[in-house]
């Protein structure tokens, strides 16, 4: 009789817990806290003494079994049933968090989201921590709170783990051209569950965070900036003095520059000396500027960045790195648009780094991956119709000899047409039936070589006769294609990667007509958009101008729960 009475009592308790979960208030209502975690402040883990209270694992297990067996389709329970039913079915409804130490490990895992550029409050870490403390002190409501804690902690750990691996945001919302290989969350999710079951929650981050060295360097830099952050010590804006400041200059502007760049204990505060010259060059190099030691408008723009601005830039770009595949091929080309830079790696070793020119904000260069599979020496330029009608047609109408003097010709269906027989005054942007081509030659807009890779945007790499444009810091000048400063060196390296012996680039150039060279082994190419990146070779972090104005959109969306 006594055993029967105990069983009835236990069943009653389980159904009471189930009623609480299904019809009770959400965790934010039951355990609401007024603590707000600033995006630039790392939440401190719960540091109280863990009470050695026995956890009613059997009762929690039975409650979980009933909960997931009851498909009630209520809005309040849907997130748990949709996201956790397979987890608990795989564990036979055994609780994942079986004692206080494991709960604290889960809470610390969520709190560490700050170090990965994510906001711990988006994973209800304060509410979970508060509920955990209530459980430790209030035995009267212990069972129902333990079940609620079990579900909420599991749900938020899974959410954060997914965001840490895949990224919180969808890259296609910012780059419609995004086609990078998708990562397999299903496989990683199984490992996450196994680590929790093995009481190794702290190992989840190592499993899921991007394995790129650059990600870890950004993470370390983020922690450093946050340690030095003070909301009350925002520096005043440093006004540009109206002209560049360089070696030998004197005055208050030099003094202000020295103090902003961190040189306060110098012999002459008002003289632009060699010490300041080195400091300015180092600062410029770390911000993607030409390290000439002359403090101009671009240098002052970055000098006015606050600590918070650096923190936000790192957060945004850590998210972008989470969008990338688990790894990239050992031999590849990487292009970072904001850095105006191309890097080629062969067997993971950097063999080429070069300046590039990219599309203007109006005609931006898209972000995507492809395989570079064709080189064309002495290319003939097929001029895009938009350029032909908007830029060339007015010039042709003004000067009928324009095409001949610029080594160009008109054609229909690739058949050249004698321009003397064409009355160009009859045509406009809306109606122009011809294609314009520019023959191979030193003045060809594509230079002496172009590099082709499959994409629907007609984007490719190429040479340019306008070499002076590479002297600019902001090199967004093209209609979308990417110009390379030293393309022949890149062509040589690409031919070198092939198993088949090719003739030299000099041989192909000597032909004076277009020579198309397919590559037997295409080289993967990745066009990226990173306004903060790290170089593992020198353990340095670099910041770049947000040339297409995308950072703020990503930051705003990251700050949404």
Protein backbone atom coordinates (compact mmCIF):
# COMPACT_ATOMS: atom_id res chain seq x y z
CA UNK A 1 0.00 0.00 0.00
CA UNK A 2 2.85 2.34 0.84
CA UNK A 3 4.56 1.64 -2.55
CA UNK A 4 1.30 2.37 -4.38
CA UNK A 5 0.92 5.66 -2.52
CA UNK A 6 4.49 6.69 -3.41
CA UNK A 7 3.89 5.88 -7.09
CA UNK A 8 0.72 7.95 -7.17
CA UNK A 9 2.56 10.85 -5.54
CA UNK A 10 5.39 10.62 -8.08
CA UNK A 11 3.00 10.53 -11.05
CA UNK A 12 1.20 13.56 -9.63
CA UNK A 13 4.50 15.41 -9.35
CA UNK A 14 5.44 14.60 -12.95
CA UNK A 15 2.11 15.76 -14.30
CA UNK A 16 2.40 18.93 -12.24
CA UNK A 17 5.78 19.58 -13.84
CA UNK A 18 4.37 18.91 -17.28
CA UNK A 19 1.51 21.32 -16.61
CA UNK A 20 4.04 23.95 -15.56
CA UNK A 21 6.09 23.51 -18.72
CA UNK A 22 3.15 23.51 -21.10
CA UNK A 23 0.96 26.18 -19.54
CA UNK A 24 3.36 28.08 -17.35
CA UNK A 25 5.12 31.32 -18.09
CA UNK A 26 8.26 31.45 -20.18
CA UNK A 27 11.62 31.60 -18.54
CA UNK A 28 11.87 35.29 -19.22
CA UNK A 29 8.68 35.81 -17.16
CA UNK A 30 9.54 33.40 -14.35
CA UNK A 31 13.14 34.45 -13.92
CA UNK A 32 13.37 37.93 -15.29
CA UNK A 33 16.53 39.89 -14.61
CA UNK A 34 17.25 43.55 -15.21
CA UNK A 35 20.91 42.87 -16.02
CA UNK A 36 21.77 43.84 -19.60
CA UNK A 37 25.04 42.59 -21.07
CA UNK A 38 26.73 45.29 -23.11
CA UNK A 39 28.02 44.03 -26.46
CA UNK A 40 31.51 45.07 -25.42
CA UNK A 41 31.48 43.59 -21.92
CA UNK A 42 32.13 39.93 -21.11
CA UNK A 43 29.61 38.53 -18.66
CA UNK A 44 31.22 37.03 -15.56
CA UNK A 45 30.38 33.37 -14.91
CA UNK A 46 28.45 32.35 -11.82
CA UNK A 47 31.07 32.12 -9.12
CA UNK A 48 29.10 31.09 -6.08
CA UNK A 49 29.82 27.93 -4.13
CA UNK A 50 28.08 24.99 -5.74
CA UNK A 51 25.70 23.34 -3.29
CA UNK A 52 25.94 19.55 -3.17
CA UNK A 53 22.23 18.85 -3.59
CA UNK A 54 21.10 15.53 -5.03
CA UNK A 55 19.32 16.00 -8.37
CA UNK A 56 16.07 14.02 -8.89
CA UNK A 57 17.27 12.51 -12.17
CA UNK A 58 14.57 9.85 -12.40
CA UNK A 59 11.77 12.38 -11.93
CA UNK A 60 13.34 14.77 -14.48
CA UNK A 61 13.72 11.89 -16.95
CA UNK A 62 10.08 10.87 -16.55
CA UNK A 63 8.95 14.48 -16.97
CA UNK A 64 11.00 14.85 -20.15
CA UNK A 65 9.58 11.63 -21.55
CA UNK A 66 6.01 12.77 -20.97
CA UNK A 67 6.77 16.26 -22.29
CA UNK A 68 8.21 15.08 -25.60
CA UNK A 69 5.52 12.42 -25.99
CA UNK A 70 2.83 15.09 -25.71
CA UNK A 71 2.68 16.81 -29.14
CA UNK A 72 0.55 19.72 -28.00
CA UNK A 73 1.75 22.18 -30.69
CA UNK A 74 1.59 25.08 -28.24
CA UNK A 75 3.60 28.15 -29.11
CA UNK A 76 5.31 28.18 -25.70
CA UNK A 77 6.63 24.63 -26.05
CA UNK A 78 7.27 24.45 -29.80
CA UNK A 79 10.93 25.64 -29.63
CA UNK A 80 11.79 22.85 -27.19
CA UNK A 81 9.93 20.09 -28.99
CA UNK A 82 11.16 21.13 -32.45
CA UNK A 83 14.81 21.53 -31.47
CA UNK A 84 15.33 19.03 -28.67
CA UNK A 85 13.07 16.04 -29.29
CA UNK A 86 15.77 14.10 -31.18
CA UNK A 87 18.40 14.98 -28.60
CA UNK A 88 16.39 13.52 -25.74
CA UNK A 89 15.14 10.58 -27.78
CA UNK A 90 18.80 9.69 -28.40
CA UNK A 91 19.54 9.88 -24.67
CA UNK A 92 16.43 7.89 -23.75
CA UNK A 93 15.25 11.09 -22.03
CA UNK A 94 18.09 11.09 -19.57
CA UNK A 95 18.85 14.66 -18.39
CA UNK A 96 21.87 16.23 -20.05
CA UNK A 97 22.66 18.45 -17.06
CA UNK A 98 22.83 16.03 -14.17
CA UNK A 99 24.44 18.14 -11.46
CA UNK A 100 25.34 21.69 -10.55
CA UNK A 101 28.87 21.44 -11.96
CA UNK A 102 27.54 20.49 -15.39
CA UNK A 103 25.02 23.33 -15.32
CA UNK A 104 27.77 25.79 -14.49
CA UNK A 105 29.83 24.43 -17.40
CA UNK A 106 26.88 25.06 -19.70
CA UNK A 107 26.44 28.59 -18.37
CA UNK A 108 30.15 29.34 -18.85
CA UNK A 109 29.89 28.06 -22.42
CA UNK A 110 27.07 30.51 -23.13
CA UNK A 111 28.85 33.39 -21.40
CA UNK A 112 31.90 32.81 -23.59
CA UNK A 113 29.81 33.86 -26.59
CA UNK A 114 31.12 37.37 -25.85
CA UNK A 115 34.67 36.29 -26.70
CA UNK A 116 33.40 35.06 -30.06
CA UNK A 117 31.77 38.35 -30.95
CA UNK A 118 28.23 37.27 -30.00
CA UNK A 119 26.00 38.58 -27.23
CA UNK A 120 25.45 36.13 -24.33
CA UNK A 121 22.15 37.79 -23.47
CA UNK A 122 20.76 36.54 -26.79
CA UNK A 123 21.09 33.04 -25.32
CA UNK A 124 19.23 33.94 -22.08
CA UNK A 125 22.33 33.30 -20.01
CA UNK A 126 21.35 35.71 -17.21
CA UNK A 127 17.87 34.21 -16.92
CA UNK A 128 19.29 30.70 -16.91
CA UNK A 129 21.86 31.66 -14.27
CA UNK A 130 19.19 33.25 -12.09
CA UNK A 131 16.94 30.20 -12.40
CA UNK A 132 19.89 27.99 -11.48
CA UNK A 133 20.52 30.03 -8.33
CA UNK A 134 16.84 29.78 -7.40
CA UNK A 135 17.04 26.02 -7.71
CA UNK A 136 20.00 25.98 -5.39
CA UNK A 137 18.09 27.78 -2.67
CA UNK A 138 14.40 26.92 -3.14
CA UNK A 139 13.67 23.23 -2.60
CA UNK A 140 9.87 23.69 -2.69
CA UNK A 141 9.81 24.33 -6.44
CA UNK A 142 12.94 22.39 -7.17
CA UNK A 143 11.59 19.75 -9.58
CA UNK A 144 9.66 21.97 -11.96
CA UNK A 145 12.50 24.49 -12.07
CA UNK A 146 15.03 21.75 -12.73
CA UNK A 147 13.03 20.53 -15.72
CA UNK A 148 12.66 24.06 -17.02
CA UNK A 149 16.39 24.67 -16.51
CA UNK A 150 17.19 21.39 -18.28
CA UNK A 151 15.17 22.34 -21.36
CA UNK A 152 16.20 26.00 -21.55
CA UNK A 153 19.91 25.32 -21.07
CA UNK A 154 19.85 22.58 -23.71
CA UNK A 155 17.98 24.81 -26.15
CA UNK A 156 20.30 27.78 -25.75
CA UNK A 157 23.48 25.68 -25.84
CA UNK A 158 22.27 24.19 -29.11
CA UNK A 159 21.40 27.64 -30.53
CA UNK A 160 24.75 29.12 -29.60
CA UNK A 161 26.63 26.04 -30.84
CA UNK A 162 24.89 26.32 -34.21
CA UNK A 163 25.66 30.04 -34.46
CA UNK A 164 29.27 29.44 -33.48
CA UNK A 165 29.64 26.93 -36.29
CA UNK A 166 27.48 28.27 -39.13
CA UNK A 167 27.28 31.92 -38.16
CA UNK A 168 24.27 33.64 -36.66
CA UNK A 169 23.29 35.41 -39.89
CA UNK A 170 22.65 34.31 -43.47
CA UNK A 171 25.45 35.62 -45.74
CA UNK A 172 23.09 35.82 -48.71
CA UNK A 173 21.30 38.67 -46.94
CA UNK A 174 24.43 40.77 -47.54
CA UNK A 175 25.91 39.10 -50.62
CA UNK A 176 23.27 37.83 -53.03
CA UNK A 177 26.10 36.24 -55.03
CA UNK A 178 27.19 34.06 -52.07
CA UNK A 179 27.80 30.46 -53.23
CA UNK A 180 30.39 29.18 -50.76
CA UNK A 181 30.22 25.52 -49.82
CA UNK A 182 27.77 24.90 -46.99
CA UNK A 183 28.98 23.31 -43.79
CA UNK A 184 27.36 20.14 -42.41
CA UNK A 185 25.69 21.05 -39.11
CA UNK A 186 24.03 17.65 -38.69
CA UNK A 187 27.37 15.89 -38.20
CA UNK A 188 28.66 18.51 -35.78
CA UNK A 189 25.40 18.49 -33.82
CA UNK A 190 25.89 14.81 -32.98
CA UNK A 191 29.35 15.58 -31.59
CA UNK A 192 27.93 18.46 -29.52
CA UNK A 193 25.43 16.11 -27.89
CA UNK A 194 28.15 13.55 -27.22
CA UNK A 195 30.40 16.15 -25.56
CA UNK A 196 27.57 17.26 -23.27
CA UNK A 197 26.86 13.64 -22.33
CA UNK A 198 30.56 13.09 -21.60
CA UNK A 199 30.56 16.19 -19.37
CA UNK A 200 32.97 17.95 -21.74
CA UNK A 201 30.92 21.03 -22.60
CA UNK A 202 34.03 23.21 -22.55
CA UNK A 203 35.32 21.31 -25.63
CA UNK A 204 32.38 22.36 -27.82
CA UNK A 205 33.95 25.69 -28.76
CA UNK A 206 37.15 24.05 -30.00
CA UNK A 207 35.02 21.69 -32.08
CA UNK A 208 32.87 24.37 -33.71
CA UNK A 209 34.74 27.69 -33.89
CA UNK A 210 36.47 28.39 -37.23
CA UNK A 211 39.84 26.66 -37.36
CA UNK A 212 41.49 29.52 -39.23
CA UNK A 213 44.43 31.07 -37.38
CA UNK A 214 43.05 34.48 -38.30
CA UNK A 215 39.87 33.82 -36.33
CA UNK A 216 41.82 33.09 -33.16
CA UNK A 217 43.90 36.25 -33.62
CA UNK A 218 40.74 38.32 -34.01
CA UNK A 219 39.34 36.68 -30.88
CA UNK A 220 42.47 37.57 -28.89
CA UNK A 221 42.34 41.14 -30.18
CA UNK A 222 38.67 41.40 -29.23
CA UNK A 223 39.43 40.30 -25.66
CA UNK A 224 42.26 42.85 -25.44
CA UNK A 225 40.09 45.71 -26.70
CA UNK A 226 37.33 44.81 -24.24
CA UNK A 227 39.77 44.72 -21.34
CA UNK A 228 40.87 48.25 -22.25
CA UNK A 229 37.36 49.52 -22.97
CA UNK A 230 35.82 52.28 -20.93
CA UNK A 231 32.54 53.83 -22.04
CA UNK A 232 33.37 57.02 -20.13
CA UNK A 233 36.77 57.56 -21.80
CA UNK A 234 35.71 58.10 -25.41
CA UNK A 235 38.35 60.36 -26.98
CA UNK A 236 37.40 63.65 -28.58
CA UNK A 237 37.34 63.79 -32.36
CA UNK A 238 40.74 64.62 -33.84
CA UNK A 239 40.16 67.22 -36.53
CA UNK A 240 42.15 67.03 -39.74
CA UNK A 241 44.35 70.18 -39.81
CA UNK A 242 43.55 70.91 -43.46
CA UNK A 243 46.80 69.64 -44.94
CA UNK A 244 48.89 66.48 -44.54
CA UNK A 245 51.37 66.43 -41.65
CA UNK A 246 54.77 64.90 -42.30
CA UNK A 247 58.32 64.67 -41.03
CA UNK A 248 59.65 68.03 -39.84
CA UNK A 249 56.25 69.63 -39.20
CA UNK A 250 55.68 71.49 -35.93
CA UNK A 251 52.75 72.84 -33.94
CA UNK A 252 49.68 71.83 -32.01
CA UNK A 253 48.50 69.48 -34.75
CA UNK A 254 51.69 67.44 -34.29
CA UNK A 255 51.18 67.39 -30.53
CA UNK A 256 47.59 66.18 -30.95
CA UNK A 257 48.73 63.53 -33.41
CA UNK A 258 51.43 62.24 -31.07
CA UNK A 259 49.04 61.94 -28.15
CA UNK A 260 46.36 60.18 -30.22
CA UNK A 261 48.83 57.68 -31.64
CA UNK A 262 50.22 56.98 -28.15
CA UNK A 263 53.51 58.93 -28.07
CA UNK A 264 53.18 61.07 -24.95
CA UNK A 265 56.69 60.86 -23.50
CA UNK A 266 58.81 62.26 -26.31
CA UNK A 267 61.54 64.89 -26.16
CA UNK A 268 59.64 67.39 -28.31
CA UNK A 269 55.87 67.00 -28.24
CA UNK A 270 55.38 69.59 -30.99
CA UNK A 271 57.90 68.22 -33.54
CA UNK A 272 57.15 65.55 -36.15
CA UNK A 273 60.30 63.54 -35.51
CA UNK A 274 61.56 60.13 -36.62
CA UNK A 275 59.79 58.41 -33.72
CA UNK A 276 56.43 59.73 -34.86
CA UNK A 277 57.30 58.83 -38.45
CA UNK A 278 57.75 55.17 -37.52
CA UNK A 279 54.56 55.20 -35.44
CA UNK A 280 52.49 56.73 -38.26
CA UNK A 281 53.85 54.21 -40.80
CA UNK A 282 53.00 51.32 -38.48
CA UNK A 283 49.50 52.70 -37.91
CA UNK A 284 48.93 53.18 -41.63
CA UNK A 285 50.08 49.67 -42.48
CA UNK A 286 47.71 48.17 -39.91
CA UNK A 287 44.81 50.04 -41.53
CA UNK A 288 45.41 49.15 -45.16
CA UNK A 289 46.96 52.50 -46.07
CA UNK A 290 50.19 53.21 -47.92
CA UNK A 291 52.80 53.42 -45.13
CA UNK A 292 54.38 56.68 -46.30
CA UNK A 293 54.45 58.33 -42.87
CA UNK A 294 52.38 61.27 -44.10
CA UNK A 295 49.24 61.78 -41.99
CA UNK A 296 46.54 62.71 -44.49
CA UNK A 297 42.72 62.54 -44.44
CA UNK A 298 42.60 58.71 -44.67
CA UNK A 299 44.98 58.38 -41.72
CA UNK A 300 42.90 60.80 -39.65
CA UNK A 301 39.75 58.86 -40.49
CA UNK A 302 41.15 55.79 -38.75
CA UNK A 303 42.71 57.86 -35.93
CA UNK A 304 39.17 58.80 -34.94
CA UNK A 305 38.07 55.21 -34.53
CA UNK A 306 37.04 54.52 -30.93
CA UNK A 307 37.71 51.31 -29.04
CA UNK A 308 34.06 50.44 -29.50
CA UNK A 309 34.42 50.88 -33.28
CA UNK A 310 37.31 48.40 -33.33
CA UNK A 311 35.30 45.96 -31.21
CA UNK A 312 32.36 46.19 -33.61
CA UNK A 313 34.61 45.67 -36.64
CA UNK A 314 36.06 42.51 -35.10
CA UNK A 315 32.61 41.20 -34.16
CA UNK A 316 31.34 41.68 -37.72
CA UNK A 317 34.32 39.95 -39.30
CA UNK A 318 34.39 37.03 -36.87
CA UNK A 319 30.83 36.41 -38.06
CA UNK A 320 32.00 36.55 -41.68
CA UNK A 321 34.70 33.98 -40.96
CA UNK A 322 32.04 31.68 -39.50
CA UNK A 323 30.33 31.73 -42.91
CA UNK A 324 33.36 30.19 -44.61
CA UNK A 325 33.81 26.44 -45.21
CA UNK A 326 35.58 24.33 -42.58
CA UNK A 327 38.78 24.62 -44.60
CA UNK A 328 40.05 26.00 -47.90
CA UNK A 329 42.15 24.11 -50.48
CA UNK A 330 45.91 24.17 -49.94
CA UNK A 331 46.47 25.86 -53.31
CA UNK A 332 44.12 28.76 -53.92
CA UNK A 333 43.65 32.44 -54.65
CA UNK A 334 42.01 34.66 -52.03
CA UNK A 335 40.83 38.17 -52.79
CA UNK A 336 39.81 40.54 -50.01
CA UNK A 337 37.87 43.41 -51.57
CA UNK A 338 38.17 45.98 -48.74
CA UNK A 339 41.92 45.31 -48.50
CA UNK A 340 42.29 45.77 -52.29
CA UNK A 341 44.54 42.73 -52.19
CA UNK A 342 45.01 39.34 -53.85
CA UNK A 343 46.93 36.50 -52.21
CA UNK A 344 47.89 33.22 -53.83
CA UNK A 345 48.84 30.21 -51.73
CA UNK A 346 50.48 27.03 -52.92
CA UNK A 347 50.41 24.09 -50.52
CA UNK A 348 49.30 26.54 -47.79
CA UNK A 349 52.38 28.73 -48.33
CA UNK A 350 51.91 32.30 -49.53
CA UNK A 351 53.66 32.70 -52.89
CA UNK A 352 52.12 35.94 -54.18
CA UNK A 353 50.54 39.06 -52.66
CA UNK A 354 49.50 41.93 -54.90
CA UNK A 355 47.47 45.11 -55.07
CA UNK A 356 44.17 45.02 -56.94
CA UNK A 357 41.55 47.44 -58.23
CA UNK A 358 37.91 46.52 -57.58
CA UNK A 359 34.46 47.71 -58.59
CA UNK A 360 33.03 51.01 -57.46
CA UNK A 361 30.23 50.99 -54.87
CA UNK A 362 27.79 51.49 -57.77
CA UNK A 363 29.36 48.67 -59.82
CA UNK A 364 30.55 46.55 -56.92
CA UNK A 365 32.60 43.38 -57.27
CA UNK A 366 30.51 40.42 -56.03
CA UNK A 367 31.52 37.94 -53.33
CA UNK A 368 31.62 34.30 -54.46
CA UNK A 369 33.84 31.28 -55.00
CA UNK A 370 34.83 29.69 -58.30
CA UNK A 371 37.70 27.92 -60.06
CA UNK A 372 40.18 29.80 -62.22
CA UNK A 373 40.60 27.60 -65.28
CA UNK A 374 41.63 29.75 -68.27
CA UNK A 375 44.37 32.28 -69.02
CA UNK A 376 44.14 34.50 -72.10
CA UNK A 377 47.28 36.25 -73.26
CA UNK A 378 46.94 39.29 -75.55
CA UNK A 379 43.19 39.44 -74.86
CA UNK A 380 40.67 41.18 -77.05
CA UNK A 381 38.23 43.17 -74.93
CA UNK A 382 34.53 42.64 -75.48
CA UNK A 383 33.26 45.94 -74.14
CA UNK A 384 30.17 45.58 -71.92
CA UNK A 385 27.08 47.03 -73.57
CA UNK A 386 26.49 49.44 -70.71
CA UNK A 387 29.96 50.95 -71.19
CA UNK A 388 29.55 50.94 -74.98
CA UNK A 389 26.27 52.89 -74.89
CA UNK A 390 26.86 55.17 -71.91
CA UNK A 391 30.54 56.04 -72.33
CA UNK A 392 31.68 55.21 -75.85
CA UNK A 393 28.65 56.05 -77.99
CA UNK A 394 28.70 59.80 -77.12
CA UNK A 395 32.43 59.90 -77.98
CA UNK A 396 31.86 58.06 -81.28
CA UNK A 397 29.03 60.43 -82.19
CA UNK A 398 31.33 63.36 -81.52
CA UNK A 399 34.34 61.84 -83.32
CA UNK A 400 33.54 59.22 -86.02
CA UNK A 401 37.20 58.12 -86.01
CA UNK A 402 37.16 57.31 -82.28
CA UNK A 403 36.99 53.53 -82.76
CA UNK A 404 39.93 53.39 -85.17
CA UNK A 405 42.15 55.67 -83.09
CA UNK A 406 41.51 53.54 -79.99
CA UNK A 407 42.11 50.17 -81.70
CA UNK A 408 38.41 49.26 -81.56
CA UNK A 409 35.85 47.95 -84.01
CA UNK A 410 32.09 47.35 -84.17
CA UNK A 411 30.49 44.00 -84.99
CA UNK A 412 27.16 42.23 -85.32
CA UNK A 413 27.12 38.54 -84.41
CA UNK A 414 30.92 38.77 -84.07
CA UNK A 415 31.25 39.88 -87.71
CA UNK A 416 33.17 43.19 -88.00
CA UNK A 417 31.32 46.07 -89.64
CA UNK A 418 32.91 48.95 -91.56
CA UNK A 419 32.12 51.94 -89.37
CA UNK A 420 32.14 54.35 -92.32
CA UNK A 421 28.79 52.89 -93.33
CA UNK A 422 27.20 53.40 -89.88
CA UNK A 423 25.32 56.54 -88.91
CA UNK A 424 25.94 56.49 -85.14
CA UNK A 425 23.74 59.56 -84.61
CA UNK A 426 20.65 57.33 -84.95
CA UNK A 427 21.49 55.31 -81.85
CA UNK A 428 21.14 55.86 -78.09
CA UNK A 429 21.41 53.95 -74.82
CA UNK A 430 18.13 52.17 -75.45
CA UNK A 431 18.93 51.11 -78.99
CA UNK A 432 22.44 50.17 -80.12
CA UNK A 433 22.59 46.90 -82.11
CA UNK A 434 26.38 46.61 -82.26
CA UNK A 435 29.01 45.08 -80.02
CA UNK A 436 32.22 47.03 -79.57
CA UNK A 437 35.57 45.23 -79.32
CA UNK A 438 39.09 46.43 -78.60
CA UNK A 439 41.91 44.59 -80.34
CA UNK A 440 44.95 43.22 -78.54
CA UNK A 441 47.67 45.75 -77.93
CA UNK A 442 49.46 47.85 -75.32
CA UNK A 443 46.51 50.19 -74.94
CA UNK A 444 43.93 47.42 -74.51
CA UNK A 445 41.92 48.00 -71.32
CA UNK A 446 42.57 44.38 -70.26
CA UNK A 447 46.32 44.74 -70.65
CA UNK A 448 48.32 41.72 -71.75
CA UNK A 449 46.55 38.90 -69.86
CA UNK A 450 43.22 38.04 -68.28
CA UNK A 451 42.17 35.20 -65.98
CA UNK A 452 38.79 33.53 -66.40
CA UNK A 453 36.66 31.65 -63.88
CA UNK A 454 33.04 30.55 -64.18
CA UNK A 455 30.44 32.96 -62.77
CA UNK A 456 27.19 34.56 -63.97
CA UNK A 457 28.45 38.11 -63.35
CA UNK A 458 31.05 38.29 -66.17
CA UNK A 459 33.72 38.99 -63.56
CA UNK A 460 37.36 38.12 -64.23
CA UNK A 461 40.87 39.22 -63.31
CA UNK A 462 42.96 41.18 -65.77
CA UNK A 463 45.91 43.46 -66.39
CA UNK A 464 45.49 47.20 -67.01
CA UNK A 465 47.53 49.90 -68.76
CA UNK A 466 46.48 52.37 -66.04
CA UNK A 467 49.18 51.36 -63.57
CA UNK A 468 49.09 54.74 -61.79
CA UNK A 469 45.74 53.84 -60.21
CA UNK A 470 47.49 51.31 -57.99
CA UNK A 471 49.11 54.22 -56.11
CA UNK A 472 45.75 55.15 -54.56
CA UNK A 473 44.70 53.78 -51.16
CA UNK A 474 41.03 53.48 -52.16
CA UNK A 475 41.19 51.51 -55.39
CA UNK A 476 37.49 51.07 -56.21
CA UNK A 477 37.60 52.23 -59.83
CA UNK A 478 36.32 49.40 -62.05
CA UNK A 479 32.91 48.26 -63.30
CA UNK A 480 33.20 45.07 -61.24
CA UNK A 481 36.12 43.17 -62.76
CA UNK A 482 39.32 42.98 -60.74
CA UNK A 483 42.57 44.44 -62.06
CA UNK A 484 45.88 42.98 -60.84
CA UNK A 485 49.02 45.09 -60.52
CA UNK A 486 51.51 42.36 -61.51
CA UNK A 487 49.40 39.93 -63.57
CA UNK A 488 52.29 38.32 -65.45
CA UNK A 489 53.82 37.14 -62.18
CA UNK A 490 50.45 35.62 -61.25
CA UNK A 491 50.22 33.98 -64.69
CA UNK A 492 53.68 32.47 -64.24
CA UNK A 493 52.74 31.04 -60.83
CA UNK A 494 49.48 29.59 -62.14
CA UNK A 495 51.24 27.86 -65.01
CA UNK A 496 53.81 26.58 -62.51
CA UNK A 497 51.08 24.83 -60.48
CA UNK A 498 50.05 22.70 -63.46
CA UNK A 499 51.30 19.17 -63.91
CA UNK A 500 51.50 19.59 -67.69
CA UNK A 501 54.41 21.58 -69.10
CA UNK A 502 53.32 24.85 -70.66
CA UNK A 503 55.31 27.25 -72.79
CA UNK A 504 56.57 30.41 -71.09
CA UNK A 505 54.43 33.50 -70.77
CA UNK A 506 56.91 35.28 -73.01
CA UNK A 507 56.17 32.80 -75.80
CA UNK A 508 52.43 33.39 -75.59
CA UNK A 509 52.85 37.17 -75.44
CA UNK A 510 55.04 37.14 -78.55
CA UNK A 511 52.12 35.89 -80.63
CA UNK A 512 50.55 39.37 -80.53
CA UNK A 513 47.08 37.83 -80.91
CA UNK A 514 44.77 36.28 -78.28
CA UNK A 515 46.06 32.94 -76.98
CA UNK A 516 43.71 30.95 -74.75
CA UNK A 517 45.38 28.57 -72.26
CA UNK A 518 43.04 26.18 -70.38
CA UNK A 519 44.47 24.96 -67.08
CA UNK A 520 44.46 21.19 -66.58
CA UNK A 521 44.12 21.72 -62.83
CA UNK A 522 41.87 24.71 -62.10
CA UNK A 523 42.83 26.80 -59.08
CA UNK A 524 40.06 27.63 -56.58
CA UNK A 525 39.43 31.35 -56.17
CA UNK A 526 37.62 32.96 -53.22
CA UNK A 527 36.43 36.55 -53.36
CA UNK A 528 35.78 37.75 -49.80
CA UNK A 529 34.68 40.87 -47.97
CA UNK A 530 36.61 41.30 -44.71
CA UNK A 531 37.09 44.74 -43.15
CA UNK A 532 39.20 43.23 -40.35
CA UNK A 533 41.53 40.32 -40.90
CA UNK A 534 44.57 38.76 -39.29
CA UNK A 535 47.89 37.58 -40.68
CA UNK A 536 49.17 34.53 -38.76
CA UNK A 537 52.64 35.04 -40.26
CA UNK A 538 53.23 38.12 -38.11
CA UNK A 539 50.39 37.76 -35.57
CA UNK A 540 48.96 41.10 -36.66
CA UNK A 541 45.37 42.29 -37.13
CA UNK A 542 44.54 44.71 -39.95
CA UNK A 543 41.53 46.98 -40.41
CA UNK A 544 40.21 48.30 -43.72
CA UNK A 545 37.75 50.87 -44.96
CA UNK A 546 34.22 49.50 -45.41
CA UNK A 547 34.27 50.34 -49.10
CA UNK A 548 30.77 49.01 -49.85
CA UNK A 549 29.17 50.09 -46.56
CA UNK A 550 28.13 46.62 -45.40
CA UNK A 551 29.47 46.50 -41.83
CA UNK A 552 26.63 48.43 -40.20
CA UNK A 553 23.96 46.14 -41.63
CA UNK A 554 25.74 43.07 -40.30
CA UNK A 555 26.34 44.70 -36.91
CA UNK A 556 22.69 45.73 -36.51
CA UNK A 557 21.53 42.21 -37.32
CA UNK A 558 24.09 40.67 -34.95
CA UNK A 559 22.69 42.78 -32.13
CA UNK A 560 19.18 41.43 -32.64
CA UNK A 561 18.30 38.52 -30.27
